[in-house]
């Protein structure tokens, strides 16, 4: 015996009739129609926009989004300068943050300068900066130059 598509039925108890809310006490959903007492959710009309809706109050997710993560208020941003950028100066010259600014290597003089060890240096230079990495110091001194650490308000930061 074959079963046709028109003879298929869902299992018993798999389906049930829709609740007709707000049609009186005889339906079993009368008086408050399963919506509780007063308030925005008990009224008819437009549904609420999303799950985290707070009744028109400024949402917590928008109020505290800026507090995510960690912001170190004592961090001092340094301007990095690689050793390879110092190779454009003449041998024996003195390299300062001001001369780096004039050469177009630094954008401004508001932040302290740190010399990093990327690249090679062939000329003997006297380099003045607020900080030097170990490799940068070794490369400058290997080329016959000297490193001068600038003191000041910007340089007084704990080494880490």
Protein backbone atom coordinates (compact mmCIF):
# COMPACT_ATOMS: atom_id res chain seq x y z
CA UNK A 1 0.00 0.00 0.00
CA UNK A 2 1.39 3.43 -0.93
CA UNK A 3 0.76 6.69 0.90
CA UNK A 4 0.12 9.84 -1.10
CA UNK A 5 1.23 13.32 -0.10
CA UNK A 6 -2.37 14.28 0.51
CA UNK A 7 -2.64 11.62 3.23
CA UNK A 8 0.35 12.80 5.34
CA UNK A 9 -0.48 14.29 8.72
CA UNK A 10 1.77 15.60 11.52
CA UNK A 11 2.14 13.46 14.63
CA UNK A 12 -0.51 13.82 17.30
CA UNK A 13 0.34 16.69 19.64
CA UNK A 14 2.85 18.22 17.24
CA UNK A 15 0.57 21.10 16.31
CA UNK A 16 -1.87 23.18 18.29
CA UNK A 17 -4.21 25.98 17.49
CA UNK A 18 -3.11 29.60 17.79
CA UNK A 19 -4.05 31.55 20.94
CA UNK A 20 -6.63 34.23 20.20
CA UNK A 21 -5.45 36.84 22.66
CA UNK A 22 -7.77 39.61 23.80
CA UNK A 23 -11.05 37.88 22.96
CA UNK A 24 -12.55 37.67 26.42
CA UNK A 25 -12.40 35.40 29.44
CA UNK A 26 -13.92 32.40 27.66
CA UNK A 27 -10.68 31.83 25.70
CA UNK A 28 -8.66 31.20 28.86
CA UNK A 29 -6.57 34.28 28.04
CA UNK A 30 -9.05 36.89 29.17
CA UNK A 31 -8.84 39.92 31.48
CA UNK A 32 -5.16 40.77 30.79
CA UNK A 33 -4.73 38.40 27.81
CA UNK A 34 -1.49 36.93 29.18
CA UNK A 35 0.25 40.31 29.03
CA UNK A 36 0.35 41.09 32.73
CA UNK A 37 -0.84 44.41 34.08
CA UNK A 38 -0.08 47.92 32.81
CA UNK A 39 2.98 49.10 30.94
CA UNK A 40 4.47 49.43 27.51
CA UNK A 41 4.53 45.70 26.82
CA UNK A 42 0.85 45.28 27.68
CA UNK A 43 -0.33 47.80 25.09
CA UNK A 44 -1.35 46.98 21.56
CA UNK A 45 0.54 48.28 18.58
CA UNK A 46 4.23 48.45 17.76
CA UNK A 47 6.63 45.95 19.34
CA UNK A 48 9.84 47.02 21.08
CA UNK A 49 12.82 47.51 18.78
CA UNK A 50 15.36 45.05 20.26
CA UNK A 51 16.15 42.83 23.25
CA UNK A 52 18.33 45.38 25.06
CA UNK A 53 15.75 48.17 24.76
CA UNK A 54 15.59 50.04 28.06
CA UNK A 55 12.33 51.92 27.67
CA UNK A 56 13.85 54.93 25.95
CA UNK A 57 16.55 55.36 28.59
CA UNK A 58 20.02 55.83 27.11
CA UNK A 59 21.18 52.21 26.61
CA UNK A 60 23.91 50.86 28.84
CA UNK A 61 25.71 49.40 25.83
CA UNK A 62 26.07 52.91 24.41
CA UNK A 63 26.78 54.54 27.75
CA UNK A 64 29.75 52.38 28.76
CA UNK A 65 31.27 51.36 25.43
CA UNK A 66 34.23 53.66 26.10
CA UNK A 67 35.15 51.76 29.24
CA UNK A 68 36.09 48.59 27.35
CA UNK A 69 39.75 47.67 27.40
CA UNK A 70 42.53 49.42 29.29
CA UNK A 71 43.88 52.92 28.81
CA UNK A 72 47.15 53.70 30.59
CA UNK A 73 46.97 57.39 31.44
CA UNK A 74 50.69 57.54 32.29
CA UNK A 75 51.85 56.20 28.90
CA UNK A 76 54.25 58.52 27.11
CA UNK A 77 54.08 58.18 23.32
CA UNK A 78 57.51 58.28 21.66
CA UNK A 79 58.29 59.14 18.06
CA UNK A 80 60.33 56.27 16.60
CA UNK A 81 63.34 56.92 14.39
CA UNK A 82 65.24 54.00 12.88
CA UNK A 83 69.03 53.95 12.53
CA UNK A 84 68.61 53.63 8.76
CA UNK A 85 67.04 57.12 8.66
CA UNK A 86 70.14 58.63 10.28
CA UNK A 87 72.36 57.58 7.37
CA UNK A 88 71.37 60.69 5.37
CA UNK A 89 73.34 63.01 7.71
CA UNK A 90 76.96 63.95 6.99
CA UNK A 91 79.74 62.16 8.85
CA UNK A 92 80.71 63.83 12.12
CA UNK A 93 77.51 65.88 12.33
CA UNK A 94 75.35 66.23 15.42
CA UNK A 95 71.84 64.80 15.12
CA UNK A 96 69.20 66.34 17.41
CA UNK A 97 65.40 66.22 17.41
CA UNK A 98 65.43 69.67 15.80
CA UNK A 99 67.68 68.49 12.95
CA UNK A 100 65.50 65.40 12.51
CA UNK A 101 62.48 67.72 12.21
CA UNK A 102 64.22 69.88 9.62
CA UNK A 103 65.17 66.77 7.63
CA UNK A 104 61.51 65.70 7.58
CA UNK A 105 62.04 62.54 9.64
CA UNK A 106 59.97 63.81 12.59
CA UNK A 107 56.51 65.29 12.19
CA UNK A 108 56.68 67.50 15.29
CA UNK A 109 58.67 68.10 18.48
CA UNK A 110 55.82 67.65 20.99
CA UNK A 111 56.72 64.02 21.80
CA UNK A 112 60.08 62.59 22.87
CA UNK A 113 62.21 60.69 20.35
CA UNK A 114 63.35 57.08 20.57
CA UNK A 115 66.00 55.73 18.21
CA UNK A 116 65.38 52.13 17.15
CA UNK A 117 67.88 49.69 15.66
CA UNK A 118 66.30 48.86 12.29
CA UNK A 119 68.80 49.26 9.45
CA UNK A 120 72.53 49.97 9.28
CA UNK A 121 74.64 53.06 9.90
CA UNK A 122 77.89 53.70 8.04
CA UNK A 123 78.68 57.25 9.19
CA UNK A 124 80.03 58.52 12.50
CA UNK A 125 77.35 60.65 14.18
CA UNK A 126 76.65 62.24 17.54
CA UNK A 127 72.99 61.38 18.10
CA UNK A 128 70.92 63.11 20.78
CA UNK A 129 67.54 61.59 21.65
CA UNK A 130 65.36 60.87 24.66
CA UNK A 131 65.74 57.09 24.41
CA UNK A 132 67.82 54.51 22.54
CA UNK A 133 67.16 50.82 22.04
CA UNK A 134 70.06 48.51 22.85
CA UNK A 135 70.59 47.56 19.19
CA UNK A 136 70.45 51.20 18.06
CA UNK A 137 73.04 52.20 20.66
CA UNK A 138 75.30 49.31 19.61
CA UNK A 139 75.04 50.20 15.89
CA UNK A 140 75.74 53.91 16.45
CA UNK A 141 78.76 53.17 18.65
CA UNK A 142 79.99 50.48 16.22
CA UNK A 143 80.05 53.15 13.48
CA UNK A 144 82.21 55.32 15.77
CA UNK A 145 79.46 57.64 16.92
CA UNK A 146 78.12 58.56 20.34
CA UNK A 147 74.67 58.49 21.92
CA UNK A 148 73.50 61.35 24.14
CA UNK A 149 70.37 60.82 26.22
CA UNK A 150 68.38 64.05 26.49
CA UNK A 151 66.99 64.85 29.92
CA UNK A 152 63.81 66.76 30.51
CA UNK A 153 60.16 66.46 31.40
CA UNK A 154 59.45 64.22 28.40
CA UNK A 155 62.28 61.81 29.21
CA UNK A 156 61.43 61.22 32.86
CA UNK A 157 59.63 57.95 32.29
CA UNK A 158 60.28 54.62 34.01
CA UNK A 159 62.17 52.11 31.85
CA UNK A 160 60.22 48.93 31.33
